[in-house]
Amino acid sequence: MQQQKSHNFWNSLPDGARVLGLDIGATTIGVAVGALTTGVATGLQTIRRTSIKADAAALNKIILDYDIKGLVIGWPINMDGTEGR
């Protein structure tokens, strides 16, 4: 089922779309940007969490600056396509 959901997600994005990957922790948010054309995500920055309002503003700025078309939140996929921990 998970594979079908991911297939639908990726197919719903426009060609060349950039995707924002978020690793949300209690004190930081790890941010990576990936492109459909390469299939590779690159770490962008770590946001130190202060408040929901500040966190949302920081993420919104990244979304606008990088023309993000999709979000992947806490979805660890291994290089072989299996789901990570």
PDB file of N, CA and C in Angstrom:
ATOM      1  N   MET A   1       0.819  -1.189   0.000  1.00  0.00           N
ATOM      2  CA  MET A   1       0.000   0.000   0.000  1.00  0.00           C
ATOM      3  C   MET A   1       0.867   1.258   0.000  1.00  0.00           C
ATOM      4  N   GLN A   2       1.931   1.274   0.813  1.00  0.00           N
ATOM      5  CA  GLN A   2       2.804   2.445   0.881  1.00  0.00           C
ATOM      6  C   GLN A   2       3.389   2.768  -0.483  1.00  0.00           C
ATOM      7  N   GLN A   3       3.785   1.740  -1.238  1.00  0.00           N
ATOM      8  CA  GLN A   3       4.364   1.965  -2.556  1.00  0.00           C
ATOM      9  C   GLN A   3       3.348   2.623  -3.484  1.00  0.00           C
ATOM     10  N   GLN A   4       2.094   2.229  -3.425  1.00  0.00           N
ATOM     11  CA  GLN A   4       1.054   2.832  -4.254  1.00  0.00           C
ATOM     12  C   GLN A   4       0.847   4.290  -3.899  1.00  0.00           C
ATOM     13  N   LYS A   5       0.863   4.613  -2.611  1.00  0.00           N
ATOM     14  CA  LYS A   5       0.702   5.998  -2.190  1.00  0.00           C
ATOM     15  C   LYS A   5       1.853   6.855  -2.699  1.00  0.00           C
ATOM     16  N   SER A   6       3.074   6.353  -2.608  1.00  0.00           N
ATOM     17  CA  SER A   6       4.218   7.134  -3.080  1.00  0.00           C
ATOM     18  C   SER A   6       4.171   7.296  -4.588  1.00  0.00           C
ATOM     19  N   HIS A   7       3.743   6.270  -5.290  1.00  0.00           N
ATOM     20  CA  HIS A   7       3.615   6.350  -6.751  1.00  0.00           C
ATOM     21  C   HIS A   7       2.627   7.454  -7.137  1.00  0.00           C
ATOM     22  N   ASN A   8       1.493   7.504  -6.446  1.00  0.00           N
ATOM     23  CA  ASN A   8       0.496   8.549  -6.725  1.00  0.00           C
ATOM     24  C   ASN A   8       1.049   9.939  -6.428  1.00  0.00           C
ATOM     25  N   PHE A   9       1.787  10.075  -5.337  1.00  0.00           N
ATOM     26  CA  PHE A   9       2.376  11.363  -4.977  1.00  0.00           C
ATOM     27  C   PHE A   9       3.321  11.848  -6.071  1.00  0.00           C
ATOM     28  N   TRP A  10       4.293  11.014  -6.437  1.00  0.00           N
ATOM     29  CA  TRP A  10       5.298  11.429  -7.427  1.00  0.00           C
ATOM     30  C   TRP A  10       4.661  11.724  -8.776  1.00  0.00           C
ATOM     31  N   ASN A  11       3.671  10.932  -9.170  1.00  0.00           N
ATOM     32  CA  ASN A  11       3.018  11.156 -10.466  1.00  0.00           C
ATOM     33  C   ASN A  11       2.144  12.403 -10.486  1.00  0.00           C
ATOM     34  N   SER A  12       1.765  12.902  -9.326  1.00  0.00           N
ATOM     35  CA  SER A  12       0.915  14.095  -9.273  1.00  0.00           C
ATOM     36  C   SER A  12       1.717  15.388  -9.412  1.00  0.00           C
ATOM     37  N   LEU A  13       3.040  15.295  -9.314  1.00  0.00           N
ATOM     38  CA  LEU A  13       3.884  16.492  -9.386  1.00  0.00           C
ATOM     39  C   LEU A  13       4.209  16.851 -10.830  1.00  0.00           C
ATOM     40  N   PRO A  14       4.328  18.148 -11.114  1.00  0.00           N
ATOM     41  CA  PRO A  14       4.693  18.559 -12.472  1.00  0.00           C
ATOM     42  C   PRO A  14       6.142  18.187 -12.799  1.00  0.00           C
ATOM     43  N   ASP A  15       6.444  18.044 -14.075  1.00  0.00           N
ATOM     44  CA  ASP A  15       7.813  17.745 -14.510  1.00  0.00           C
ATOM     45  C   ASP A  15       8.779  18.777 -13.961  1.00  0.00           C
ATOM     46  N   GLY A  16       9.922  18.322 -13.487  1.00  0.00           N
ATOM     47  CA  GLY A  16      10.946  19.223 -12.974  1.00  0.00           C
ATOM     48  C   GLY A  16      10.660  19.780 -11.595  1.00  0.00           C
ATOM     49  N   ALA A  17       9.633  19.266 -10.926  1.00  0.00           N
ATOM     50  CA  ALA A  17       9.240  19.799  -9.615  1.00  0.00           C
ATOM     51  C   ALA A  17      10.322  19.557  -8.571  1.00  0.00           C
ATOM     52  N   ARG A  18      10.451  20.500  -7.678  1.00  0.00           N
ATOM     53  CA  ARG A  18      11.319  20.349  -6.513  1.00  0.00           C
ATOM     54  C   ARG A  18      10.465  19.945  -5.326  1.00  0.00           C
ATOM     55  N   VAL A  19      11.032  19.087  -4.500  1.00  0.00           N
ATOM     56  CA  VAL A  19      10.343  18.563  -3.328  1.00  0.00           C
ATOM     57  C   VAL A  19      11.161  18.906  -2.094  1.00  0.00           C
ATOM     58  N   LEU A  20      10.475  19.285  -1.036  1.00  0.00           N
ATOM     59  CA  LEU A  20      11.124  19.611   0.228  1.00  0.00           C
ATOM     60  C   LEU A  20      10.981  18.414   1.157  1.00  0.00           C
ATOM     61  N   GLY A  21      12.108  17.943   1.679  1.00  0.00           N
ATOM     62  CA  GLY A  21      12.104  16.858   2.648  1.00  0.00           C
ATOM     63  C   GLY A  21      12.344  17.417   4.034  1.00  0.00           C
ATOM     64  N   LEU A  22      11.507  17.032   4.976  1.00  0.00           N
ATOM     65  CA  LEU A  22      11.611  17.547   6.342  1.00  0.00           C
ATOM     66  C   LEU A  22      11.803  16.402   7.327  1.00  0.00           C
ATOM     67  N   ASP A  23      12.790  16.541   8.184  1.00  0.00           N
ATOM     68  CA  ASP A  23      13.014  15.625   9.294  1.00  0.00           C
ATOM     69  C   ASP A  23      12.738  16.433  10.555  1.00  0.00           C
ATOM     70  N   ILE A  24      11.537  16.283  11.090  1.00  0.00           N
ATOM     71  CA  ILE A  24      11.083  17.135  12.184  1.00  0.00           C
ATOM     72  C   ILE A  24      11.402  16.494  13.526  1.00  0.00           C
ATOM     73  N   GLY A  25      12.217  17.190  14.293  1.00  0.00           N
ATOM     74  CA  GLY A  25      12.576  16.739  15.628  1.00  0.00           C
ATOM     75  C   GLY A  25      12.060  17.703  16.677  1.00  0.00           C
ATOM     76  N   ALA A  26      12.328  17.400  17.929  1.00  0.00           N
ATOM     77  CA  ALA A  26      11.847  18.233  19.029  1.00  0.00           C
ATOM     78  C   ALA A  26      12.524  19.599  19.057  1.00  0.00           C
ATOM     79  N   THR A  27      13.792  19.681  18.657  1.00  0.00           N
ATOM     80  CA  THR A  27      14.525  20.949  18.746  1.00  0.00           C
ATOM     81  C   THR A  27      14.974  21.496  17.397  1.00  0.00           C
ATOM     82  N   THR A  28      14.982  20.663  16.372  1.00  0.00           N
ATOM     83  CA  THR A  28      15.403  21.119  15.039  1.00  0.00           C
ATOM     84  C   THR A  28      14.535  20.507  13.950  1.00  0.00           C
ATOM     85  N   ILE A  29      14.579  21.128  12.783  1.00  0.00           N
ATOM     86  CA  ILE A  29      13.950  20.589  11.583  1.00  0.00           C
ATOM     87  C   ILE A  29      15.043  20.504  10.526  1.00  0.00           C
ATOM     88  N   GLY A  30      15.353  19.295  10.093  1.00  0.00           N
ATOM     89  CA  GLY A  30      16.310  19.110   9.013  1.00  0.00           C
ATOM     90  C   GLY A  30      15.583  19.321   7.693  1.00  0.00           C
ATOM     91  N   VAL A  31      16.185  20.105   6.801  1.00  0.00           N
ATOM     92  CA  VAL A  31      15.545  20.464   5.536  1.00  0.00           C
ATOM     93  C   VAL A  31      16.438  20.037   4.378  1.00  0.00           C
ATOM     94  N   ALA A  32      15.853  19.321   3.425  1.00  0.00           N
ATOM     95  CA  ALA A  32      16.558  18.923   2.214  1.00  0.00           C
ATOM     96  C   ALA A  32      15.689  19.255   1.015  1.00  0.00           C
ATOM     97  N   VAL A  33      16.327  19.530  -0.121  1.00  0.00           N
ATOM     98  CA  VAL A  33      15.607  19.803  -1.363  1.00  0.00           C
ATOM     99  C   VAL A  33      15.997  18.745  -2.378  1.00  0.00           C
ATOM    100  N   GLY A  34      14.998  18.192  -3.027  1.00  0.00           N
ATOM    101  CA  GLY A  34      15.235  17.189  -4.053  1.00  0.00           C
ATOM    102  C   GLY A  34      14.531  17.578  -5.339  1.00  0.00           C
ATOM    103  N   ALA A  35      15.037  17.068  -6.444  1.00  0.00           N
ATOM    104  CA  ALA A  35      14.440  17.330  -7.751  1.00  0.00           C
ATOM    105  C   ALA A  35      14.016  16.011  -8.383  1.00  0.00           C
ATOM    106  N   LEU A  36      12.868  16.006  -9.034  1.00  0.00           N
ATOM    107  CA  LEU A  36      12.389  14.793  -9.685  1.00  0.00           C
ATOM    108  C   LEU A  36      13.339  14.349 -10.794  1.00  0.00           C
ATOM    109  N   THR A  37      13.992  15.307 -11.438  1.00  0.00           N
ATOM    110  CA  THR A  37      14.870  14.973 -12.563  1.00  0.00           C
ATOM    111  C   THR A  37      16.077  14.156 -12.125  1.00  0.00           C
ATOM    112  N   THR A  38      16.566  14.355 -10.896  1.00  0.00           N
ATOM    113  CA  THR A  38      17.740  13.625 -10.426  1.00  0.00           C
ATOM    114  C   THR A  38      17.391  12.507  -9.457  1.00  0.00           C
ATOM    115  N   GLY A  39      16.283  12.639  -8.758  1.00  0.00           N
ATOM    116  CA  GLY A  39      15.910  11.653  -7.754  1.00  0.00           C
ATOM    117  C   GLY A  39      16.784  11.701  -6.511  1.00  0.00           C
ATOM    118  N   VAL A  40      17.514  12.793  -6.349  1.00  0.00           N
ATOM    119  CA  VAL A  40      18.431  12.938  -5.224  1.00  0.00           C
ATOM    120  C   VAL A  40      18.045  14.167  -4.415  1.00  0.00           C
ATOM    121  N   ALA A  41      18.078  14.019  -3.093  1.00  0.00           N
ATOM    122  CA  ALA A  41      17.830  15.159  -2.201  1.00  0.00           C
ATOM    123  C   ALA A  41      19.151  15.593  -1.585  1.00  0.00           C
ATOM    124  N   THR A  42      19.318  16.891  -1.452  1.00  0.00           N
ATOM    125  CA  THR A  42      20.523  17.466  -0.873  1.00  0.00           C
ATOM    126  C   THR A  42      20.142  18.268   0.363  1.00  0.00           C
ATOM    127  N   GLY A  43      20.877  18.047   1.442  1.00  0.00           N
ATOM    128  CA  GLY A  43      20.623  18.795   2.666  1.00  0.00           C
ATOM    129  C   GLY A  43      20.765  20.286   2.419  1.00  0.00           C
ATOM    130  N   LEU A  44      19.826  21.050   2.906  1.00  0.00           N
ATOM    131  CA  LEU A  44      19.822  22.490   2.691  1.00  0.00           C
ATOM    132  C   LEU A  44      20.211  23.233   3.968  1.00  0.00           C
ATOM    133  N   GLN A  45      19.524  22.942   5.054  1.00  0.00           N
ATOM    134  CA  GLN A  45      19.809  23.617   6.315  1.00  0.00           C
ATOM    135  C   GLN A  45      19.106  22.913   7.459  1.00  0.00           C
ATOM    136  N   THR A  46      19.459  23.321   8.655  1.00  0.00           N
ATOM    137  CA  THR A  46      18.778  22.856   9.858  1.00  0.00           C
ATOM    138  C   THR A  46      18.170  24.081  10.522  1.00  0.00           C
ATOM    139  N   ILE A  47      16.876  24.004  10.756  1.00  0.00           N
ATOM    140  CA  ILE A  47      16.166  25.102  11.418  1.00  0.00           C
ATOM    141  C   ILE A  47      16.095  24.785  12.903  1.00  0.00           C
ATOM    142  N   ARG A  48      16.580  25.687  13.719  1.00  0.00           N
ATOM    143  CA  ARG A  48      16.469  25.539  15.171  1.00  0.00           C
ATOM    144  C   ARG A  48      15.054  25.960  15.551  1.00  0.00           C
ATOM    145  N   ARG A  49      14.291  25.052  16.133  1.00  0.00           N
ATOM    146  CA  ARG A  49      12.898  25.325  16.460  1.00  0.00           C
ATOM    147  C   ARG A  49      12.785  26.301  17.621  1.00  0.00           C
ATOM    148  N   THR A  50      11.920  27.307  17.444  1.00  0.00           N
ATOM    149  CA  THR A  50      11.683  28.286  18.508  1.00  0.00           C
ATOM    150  C   THR A  50      10.197  28.397  18.831  1.00  0.00           C
ATOM    151  N   SER A  51       9.358  28.485  17.814  1.00  0.00           N
ATOM    152  CA  SER A  51       7.905  28.525  17.976  1.00  0.00           C
ATOM    153  C   SER A  51       7.289  28.042  16.677  1.00  0.00           C
ATOM    154  N   ILE A  52       6.051  27.618  16.744  1.00  0.00           N
ATOM    155  CA  ILE A  52       5.380  27.152  15.529  1.00  0.00           C
ATOM    156  C   ILE A  52       5.314  28.272  14.493  1.00  0.00           C
ATOM    157  N   LYS A  53       5.031  29.480  14.934  1.00  0.00           N
ATOM    158  CA  LYS A  53       4.946  30.619  14.015  1.00  0.00           C
ATOM    159  C   LYS A  53       6.293  30.865  13.313  1.00  0.00           C
ATOM    160  N   ALA A  54       7.379  30.855  14.066  1.00  0.00           N
ATOM    161  CA  ALA A  54       8.708  31.084  13.485  1.00  0.00           C
ATOM    162  C   ALA A  54       9.114  29.920  12.580  1.00  0.00           C
ATOM    163  N   ASP A  55       8.824  28.694  13.008  1.00  0.00           N
ATOM    164  CA  ASP A  55       9.146  27.519  12.200  1.00  0.00           C
ATOM    165  C   ASP A  55       8.402  27.574  10.861  1.00  0.00           C
ATOM    166  N   ALA A  56       7.109  27.888  10.917  1.00  0.00           N
ATOM    167  CA  ALA A  56       6.296  27.974   9.702  1.00  0.00           C
ATOM    168  C   ALA A  56       6.798  29.081   8.779  1.00  0.00           C
ATOM    169  N   ALA A  57       7.191  30.215   9.338  1.00  0.00           N
ATOM    170  CA  ALA A  57       7.712  31.321   8.524  1.00  0.00           C
ATOM    171  C   ALA A  57       9.005  30.914   7.825  1.00  0.00           C
ATOM    172  N   ALA A  58       9.890  30.224   8.533  1.00  0.00           N
ATOM    173  CA  ALA A  58      11.149  29.773   7.934  1.00  0.00           C
ATOM    174  C   ALA A  58      10.891  28.775   6.810  1.00  0.00           C
ATOM    175  N   LEU A  59       9.979  27.843   7.038  1.00  0.00           N
ATOM    176  CA  LEU A  59       9.649  26.858   6.004  1.00  0.00           C
ATOM    177  C   LEU A  59       8.955  27.511   4.811  1.00  0.00           C
ATOM    178  N   ASN A  60       8.072  28.457   5.070  1.00  0.00           N
ATOM    179  CA  ASN A  60       7.377  29.149   3.992  1.00  0.00           C
ATOM    180  C   ASN A  60       8.361  29.903   3.094  1.00  0.00           C
ATOM    181  N   LYS A  61       9.363  30.526   3.696  1.00  0.00           N
ATOM    182  CA  LYS A  61      10.371  31.240   2.918  1.00  0.00           C
ATOM    183  C   LYS A  61      11.127  30.278   1.994  1.00  0.00           C
ATOM    184  N   ILE A  62      11.490  29.114   2.530  1.00  0.00           N
ATOM    185  CA  ILE A  62      12.189  28.112   1.712  1.00  0.00           C
ATOM    186  C   ILE A  62      11.286  27.635   0.575  1.00  0.00           C
ATOM    187  N   ILE A  63      10.025  27.369   0.886  1.00  0.00           N
ATOM    188  CA  ILE A  63       9.075  26.905  -0.134  1.00  0.00           C
ATOM    189  C   ILE A  63       8.963  27.915  -1.261  1.00  0.00           C
ATOM    190  N   LEU A  64       8.873  29.186  -0.936  1.00  0.00           N
ATOM    191  CA  LEU A  64       8.776  30.231  -1.956  1.00  0.00           C
ATOM    192  C   LEU A  64      10.097  30.410  -2.708  1.00  0.00           C
ATOM    193  N   ASP A  65      11.213  30.450  -1.980  1.00  0.00           N
ATOM    194  CA  ASP A  65      12.521  30.668  -2.609  1.00  0.00           C
ATOM    195  C   ASP A  65      12.904  29.558  -3.583  1.00  0.00           C
ATOM    196  N   TYR A  66      12.528  28.314  -3.257  1.00  0.00           N
ATOM    197  CA  TYR A  66      12.922  27.167  -4.077  1.00  0.00           C
ATOM    198  C   TYR A  66      11.795  26.645  -4.964  1.00  0.00           C
ATOM    199  N   ASP A  67      10.663  27.341  -4.997  1.00  0.00           N
ATOM    200  CA  ASP A  67       9.516  26.947  -5.815  1.00  0.00           C
ATOM    201  C   ASP A  67       9.150  25.476  -5.579  1.00  0.00           C
ATOM    202  N   ILE A  68       8.958  25.141  -4.319  1.00  0.00           N
ATOM    203  CA  ILE A  68       8.665  23.771  -3.906  1.00  0.00           C
ATOM    204  C   ILE A  68       7.246  23.383  -4.322  1.00  0.00           C
ATOM    205  N   LYS A  69       7.113  22.174  -4.868  1.00  0.00           N
ATOM    206  CA  LYS A  69       5.806  21.681  -5.313  1.00  0.00           C
ATOM    207  C   LYS A  69       5.280  20.520  -4.486  1.00  0.00           C
ATOM    208  N   GLY A  70       6.102  19.970  -3.591  1.00  0.00           N
ATOM    209  CA  GLY A  70       5.658  18.853  -2.768  1.00  0.00           C
ATOM    210  C   GLY A  70       6.480  18.759  -1.499  1.00  0.00           C
ATOM    211  N   LEU A  71       5.897  18.141  -0.491  1.00  0.00           N
ATOM    212  CA  LEU A  71       6.576  17.950   0.800  1.00  0.00           C
ATOM    213  C   LEU A  71       6.623  16.467   1.141  1.00  0.00           C
ATOM    214  N   VAL A  72       7.766  16.038   1.657  1.00  0.00           N
ATOM    215  CA  VAL A  72       7.907  14.696   2.215  1.00  0.00           C
ATOM    216  C   VAL A  72       8.335  14.903   3.657  1.00  0.00           C
ATOM    217  N   ILE A  73       7.517  14.415   4.574  1.00  0.00           N
ATOM    218  CA  ILE A  73       7.773  14.650   5.991  1.00  0.00           C
ATOM    219  C   ILE A  73       7.970  13.313   6.701  1.00  0.00           C
ATOM    220  N   GLY A  74       9.172  13.134   7.249  1.00  0.00           N
ATOM    221  CA  GLY A  74       9.439  11.948   8.047  1.00  0.00           C
ATOM    222  C   GLY A  74       9.176  10.652   7.326  1.00  0.00           C
ATOM    223  N   TRP A  75       9.644  10.556   6.098  1.00  0.00           N
ATOM    224  CA  TRP A  75       9.401   9.368   5.298  1.00  0.00           C
ATOM    225  C   TRP A  75      10.737   8.775   4.899  1.00  0.00           C
ATOM    226  N   PRO A  76      11.346   7.986   5.766  1.00  0.00           N
ATOM    227  CA  PRO A  76      12.690   7.472   5.490  1.00  0.00           C
ATOM    228  C   PRO A  76      12.673   6.304   4.510  1.00  0.00           C
ATOM    229  N   ILE A  77      13.200   6.531   3.332  1.00  0.00           N
ATOM    230  CA  ILE A  77      13.278   5.490   2.311  1.00  0.00           C
ATOM    231  C   ILE A  77      14.748   5.174   2.061  1.00  0.00           C
ATOM    232  N   ASN A  78      15.099   3.905   2.139  1.00  0.00           N
ATOM    233  CA  ASN A  78      16.462   3.470   1.876  1.00  0.00           C
ATOM    234  C   ASN A  78      16.763   3.534   0.384  1.00  0.00           C
ATOM    235  N   MET A  79      18.042   3.457   0.038  1.00  0.00           N
ATOM    236  CA  MET A  79      18.457   3.527  -1.367  1.00  0.00           C
ATOM    237  C   MET A  79      17.850   2.412  -2.217  1.00  0.00           C
ATOM    238  N   ASP A  80      17.502   1.286  -1.602  1.00  0.00           N
ATOM    239  CA  ASP A  80      16.897   0.177  -2.363  1.00  0.00           C
ATOM    240  C   ASP A  80      15.377   0.288  -2.450  1.00  0.00           C
ATOM    241  N   GLY A  81      14.819   1.405  -1.943  1.00  0.00           N
ATOM    242  CA  GLY A  81      13.386   1.637  -2.035  1.00  0.00           C
ATOM    243  C   GLY A  81      12.574   1.094  -0.873  1.00  0.00           C
ATOM    244  N   THR A  82      13.198   0.388   0.050  1.00  0.00           N
ATOM    245  CA  THR A  82      12.473  -0.109   1.206  1.00  0.00           C
ATOM    246  C   THR A  82      12.325   1.003   2.235  1.00  0.00           C
ATOM    247  N   GLU A  83      11.329   0.843   3.090  1.00  0.00           N
ATOM    248  CA  GLU A  83      11.072   1.856   4.110  1.00  0.00           C
ATOM    249  C   GLU A  83      12.071   1.707   5.259  1.00  0.00           C
ATOM    250  N   GLY A  84      12.671   2.838   5.654  1.00  0.00           N
ATOM    251  CA  GLY A  84      13.631   2.830   6.757  1.00  0.00           C
ATOM    252  C   GLY A  84      12.937   3.016   8.088  1.00  0.00           C
ATOM    253  N   ARG A  85      13.745   3.100   9.148  1.00  0.00           N
ATOM    254  CA  ARG A  85      13.164   3.227  10.483  1.00  0.00           C
ATOM    255  C   ARG A  85      12.763   4.659  10.783  1.00  0.00           C
TER     256      ARG A  85
END
